[in-house]
Amino acid sequence: MKVQAAYFGALRARLGLDEQCLTLAAGISAEQAAEAACGHLGPEWPAALRLAVNDEFVPGHTILREGDRLALLPPVSGGSL
């Protein structure tokens, strides 16, 4: 199945991508998709991410469906405005 992955913050900078189409096995969870998308960066990346499917935050065990949009959001650190 195909899922559109969107990357934000430091993850976007690290991957050098805004979005990409992932081809995944049917029945894969959001957490498993995150591991497939950025696990090669090291175990800290998938573990630290907040996940959203179709613009709603979801737990990692949420099963993805064909055509879903998975957003991978890393933690944000503060700074001054």
N, C-alpha and C. Protein backbone atom coordinates (compact mmCIF):
# COMPACT_ATOMS: atom_id res chain seq x y z
N MET A 1 0.84 -1.18 0.00
CA MET A 1 0.00 0.00 0.00
C MET A 1 0.87 1.23 0.00
N LYS A 2 0.33 2.33 -0.45
CA LYS A 2 1.08 3.59 -0.51
C LYS A 2 0.53 4.57 0.53
N VAL A 3 1.47 5.21 1.23
CA VAL A 3 1.18 6.21 2.26
C VAL A 3 2.08 7.41 1.99
N GLN A 4 1.54 8.60 2.15
CA GLN A 4 2.34 9.82 1.98
C GLN A 4 2.91 10.20 3.34
N ALA A 5 4.22 10.27 3.46
CA ALA A 5 4.88 10.65 4.71
C ALA A 5 5.33 12.10 4.61
N ALA A 6 5.03 12.88 5.64
CA ALA A 6 5.43 14.29 5.71
C ALA A 6 6.37 14.45 6.91
N TYR A 7 7.50 15.12 6.68
CA TYR A 7 8.52 15.29 7.70
C TYR A 7 8.59 16.74 8.15
N PHE A 8 8.82 16.94 9.45
CA PHE A 8 8.84 18.28 10.01
C PHE A 8 10.08 18.50 10.87
N GLY A 9 10.39 19.78 11.09
CA GLY A 9 11.46 20.19 11.99
C GLY A 9 12.81 19.60 11.66
N ALA A 10 13.50 19.17 12.71
CA ALA A 10 14.86 18.64 12.56
C ALA A 10 14.88 17.38 11.70
N LEU A 11 13.81 16.62 11.73
CA LEU A 11 13.75 15.41 10.91
C LEU A 11 13.75 15.78 9.43
N ARG A 12 13.01 16.80 9.08
CA ARG A 12 12.99 17.29 7.69
C ARG A 12 14.40 17.69 7.26
N ALA A 13 15.09 18.43 8.11
CA ALA A 13 16.44 18.87 7.79
C ALA A 13 17.39 17.68 7.67
N ARG A 14 17.26 16.73 8.56
CA ARG A 14 18.16 15.56 8.56
C ARG A 14 17.96 14.70 7.32
N LEU A 15 16.70 14.49 6.92
CA LEU A 15 16.41 13.67 5.75
C LEU A 15 16.58 14.43 4.44
N GLY A 16 16.45 15.76 4.50
CA GLY A 16 16.51 16.56 3.29
C GLY A 16 15.26 16.41 2.44
N LEU A 17 14.15 16.05 3.08
CA LEU A 17 12.87 15.84 2.39
C LEU A 17 11.74 16.52 3.14
N ASP A 18 10.77 17.04 2.40
CA ASP A 18 9.54 17.54 3.00
C ASP A 18 8.54 16.38 3.11
N GLU A 19 8.41 15.64 2.01
CA GLU A 19 7.46 14.54 1.92
C GLU A 19 8.02 13.45 1.01
N GLN A 20 7.46 12.26 1.15
CA GLN A 20 7.77 11.19 0.22
C GLN A 20 6.67 10.15 0.29
N CYS A 21 6.52 9.41 -0.78
CA CYS A 21 5.55 8.33 -0.84
C CYS A 21 6.25 7.06 -0.36
N LEU A 22 5.65 6.39 0.63
CA LEU A 22 6.19 5.14 1.14
C LEU A 22 5.34 3.99 0.63
N THR A 23 5.97 2.93 0.20
CA THR A 23 5.27 1.71 -0.17
C THR A 23 5.48 0.73 0.98
N LEU A 24 4.38 0.38 1.64
CA LEU A 24 4.43 -0.42 2.86
C LEU A 24 3.53 -1.64 2.75
N ALA A 25 3.77 -2.61 3.59
CA ALA A 25 2.90 -3.78 3.65
C ALA A 25 1.56 -3.40 4.26
N ALA A 26 0.51 -4.02 3.82
CA ALA A 26 -0.82 -3.79 4.39
C ALA A 26 -0.81 -4.17 5.87
N GLY A 27 -1.53 -3.40 6.68
CA GLY A 27 -1.65 -3.70 8.10
C GLY A 27 -0.52 -3.16 8.96
N ILE A 28 0.33 -2.33 8.39
CA ILE A 28 1.46 -1.77 9.14
C ILE A 28 0.95 -0.63 10.05
N SER A 29 1.59 -0.50 11.20
CA SER A 29 1.20 0.57 12.14
C SER A 29 1.95 1.85 11.81
N ALA A 30 1.47 2.95 12.37
CA ALA A 30 2.13 4.24 12.20
C ALA A 30 3.55 4.18 12.74
N GLU A 31 3.73 3.52 13.86
CA GLU A 31 5.05 3.37 14.47
C GLU A 31 5.99 2.57 13.57
N GLN A 32 5.50 1.50 12.99
CA GLN A 32 6.31 0.69 12.08
C GLN A 32 6.68 1.48 10.83
N ALA A 33 5.74 2.30 10.35
CA ALA A 33 6.03 3.14 9.18
C ALA A 33 7.09 4.17 9.51
N ALA A 34 7.04 4.74 10.70
CA ALA A 34 8.06 5.70 11.13
C ALA A 34 9.43 5.03 11.18
N GLU A 35 9.48 3.83 11.67
CA GLU A 35 10.74 3.07 11.71
C GLU A 35 11.26 2.83 10.30
N ALA A 36 10.37 2.47 9.39
CA ALA A 36 10.78 2.25 7.99
C ALA A 36 11.28 3.53 7.35
N ALA A 37 10.66 4.66 7.70
CA ALA A 37 11.01 5.93 7.08
C ALA A 37 12.30 6.54 7.60
N CYS A 38 12.56 6.39 8.90
CA CYS A 38 13.72 7.10 9.45
C CYS A 38 14.55 6.28 10.43
N GLY A 39 14.30 4.99 10.53
CA GLY A 39 15.06 4.14 11.44
C GLY A 39 16.55 4.09 11.12
N HIS A 40 16.89 4.30 9.86
CA HIS A 40 18.30 4.28 9.46
C HIS A 40 19.09 5.45 10.06
N LEU A 41 18.39 6.45 10.59
CA LEU A 41 19.06 7.59 11.22
C LEU A 41 19.52 7.28 12.63
N GLY A 42 19.03 6.19 13.19
CA GLY A 42 19.36 5.79 14.55
C GLY A 42 18.08 5.56 15.35
N PRO A 43 18.15 4.76 16.39
CA PRO A 43 16.94 4.39 17.14
C PRO A 43 16.26 5.54 17.85
N GLU A 44 16.99 6.63 18.11
CA GLU A 44 16.38 7.76 18.81
C GLU A 44 15.34 8.48 17.96
N TRP A 45 15.46 8.42 16.65
CA TRP A 45 14.52 9.16 15.80
C TRP A 45 13.11 8.61 15.87
N PRO A 46 12.87 7.35 15.53
CA PRO A 46 11.49 6.88 15.60
C PRO A 46 10.91 6.94 17.01
N ALA A 47 11.74 6.68 18.01
CA ALA A 47 11.27 6.66 19.40
C ALA A 47 10.79 8.02 19.88
N ALA A 48 11.36 9.09 19.37
CA ALA A 48 11.04 10.43 19.85
C ALA A 48 9.91 11.11 19.09
N LEU A 49 9.44 10.51 18.03
CA LEU A 49 8.48 11.19 17.16
C LEU A 49 7.06 11.19 17.70
N ARG A 50 6.36 12.26 17.40
CA ARG A 50 4.91 12.33 17.58
C ARG A 50 4.33 12.03 16.21
N LEU A 51 3.30 11.22 16.14
CA LEU A 51 2.74 10.79 14.86
C LEU A 51 1.33 11.30 14.67
N ALA A 52 1.02 11.68 13.45
CA ALA A 52 -0.34 12.11 13.10
C ALA A 52 -0.72 11.42 11.79
N VAL A 53 -1.95 10.99 11.73
CA VAL A 53 -2.49 10.38 10.51
C VAL A 53 -3.67 11.23 10.07
N ASN A 54 -3.58 11.69 8.84
CA ASN A 54 -4.64 12.53 8.26
C ASN A 54 -4.98 13.71 9.18
N ASP A 55 -3.93 14.37 9.67
CA ASP A 55 -4.02 15.60 10.48
C ASP A 55 -4.57 15.40 11.89
N GLU A 56 -4.52 14.16 12.41
CA GLU A 56 -4.93 13.90 13.79
C GLU A 56 -3.83 13.11 14.49
N PHE A 57 -3.42 13.57 15.68
CA PHE A 57 -2.44 12.82 16.44
C PHE A 57 -2.99 11.45 16.79
N VAL A 58 -2.12 10.42 16.67
CA VAL A 58 -2.54 9.05 16.91
C VAL A 58 -1.48 8.32 17.72
N PRO A 59 -1.88 7.25 18.42
CA PRO A 59 -0.87 6.40 19.08
C PRO A 59 -0.13 5.59 18.01
N GLY A 60 1.06 5.15 18.34
CA GLY A 60 1.89 4.43 17.40
C GLY A 60 1.29 3.15 16.85
N HIS A 61 0.40 2.52 17.60
CA HIS A 61 -0.18 1.25 17.15
C HIS A 61 -1.31 1.43 16.12
N THR A 62 -1.65 2.65 15.77
CA THR A 62 -2.71 2.91 14.79
C THR A 62 -2.33 2.29 13.44
N ILE A 63 -3.22 1.51 12.89
CA ILE A 63 -2.98 0.85 11.61
C ILE A 63 -3.25 1.83 10.47
N LEU A 64 -2.30 1.89 9.54
CA LEU A 64 -2.44 2.78 8.39
C LEU A 64 -3.24 2.11 7.28
N ARG A 65 -3.84 2.95 6.46
CA ARG A 65 -4.62 2.48 5.32
C ARG A 65 -4.09 3.13 4.05
N GLU A 66 -4.36 2.51 2.94
CA GLU A 66 -3.98 3.03 1.63
C GLU A 66 -4.38 4.50 1.51
N GLY A 67 -3.42 5.33 1.10
CA GLY A 67 -3.70 6.74 0.87
C GLY A 67 -3.61 7.64 2.08
N ASP A 68 -3.33 7.07 3.27
CA ASP A 68 -3.20 7.91 4.46
C ASP A 68 -2.02 8.86 4.32
N ARG A 69 -2.08 9.96 5.08
CA ARG A 69 -0.97 10.91 5.17
C ARG A 69 -0.43 10.82 6.59
N LEU A 70 0.80 10.38 6.70
CA LEU A 70 1.47 10.20 7.99
C LEU A 70 2.43 11.35 8.22
N ALA A 71 2.21 12.10 9.28
CA ALA A 71 3.12 13.19 9.64
C ALA A 71 4.02 12.73 10.76
N LEU A 72 5.32 12.95 10.60
CA LEU A 72 6.31 12.59 11.59
C LEU A 72 6.87 13.87 12.19
N LEU A 73 6.57 14.11 13.47
CA LEU A 73 6.91 15.37 14.12
C LEU A 73 7.88 15.13 15.26
N PRO A 74 9.12 15.61 15.14
CA PRO A 74 10.08 15.44 16.22
C PRO A 74 9.80 16.44 17.35
N PRO A 75 10.38 16.20 18.52
CA PRO A 75 10.23 17.15 19.61
C PRO A 75 10.79 18.52 19.20
N VAL A 76 10.22 19.54 19.77
CA VAL A 76 10.65 20.92 19.46
C VAL A 76 11.30 21.49 20.72
N SER A 77 12.45 22.13 20.53
CA SER A 77 13.07 22.80 21.66
C SER A 77 12.83 24.29 21.54
N GLY A 78 12.83 24.96 22.65
CA GLY A 78 12.49 26.37 22.69
C GLY A 78 13.61 27.30 22.23
N GLY A 79 13.29 28.54 22.21
CA GLY A 79 14.21 29.59 21.83
C GLY A 79 13.49 30.91 22.07
N SER A 80 14.16 31.98 21.85
CA SER A 80 13.51 33.27 22.06
C SER A 80 12.86 33.75 20.78
N LEU A 81 11.82 34.52 20.92
CA LEU A 81 11.12 35.08 19.76
C LEU A 81 11.77 36.35 19.32
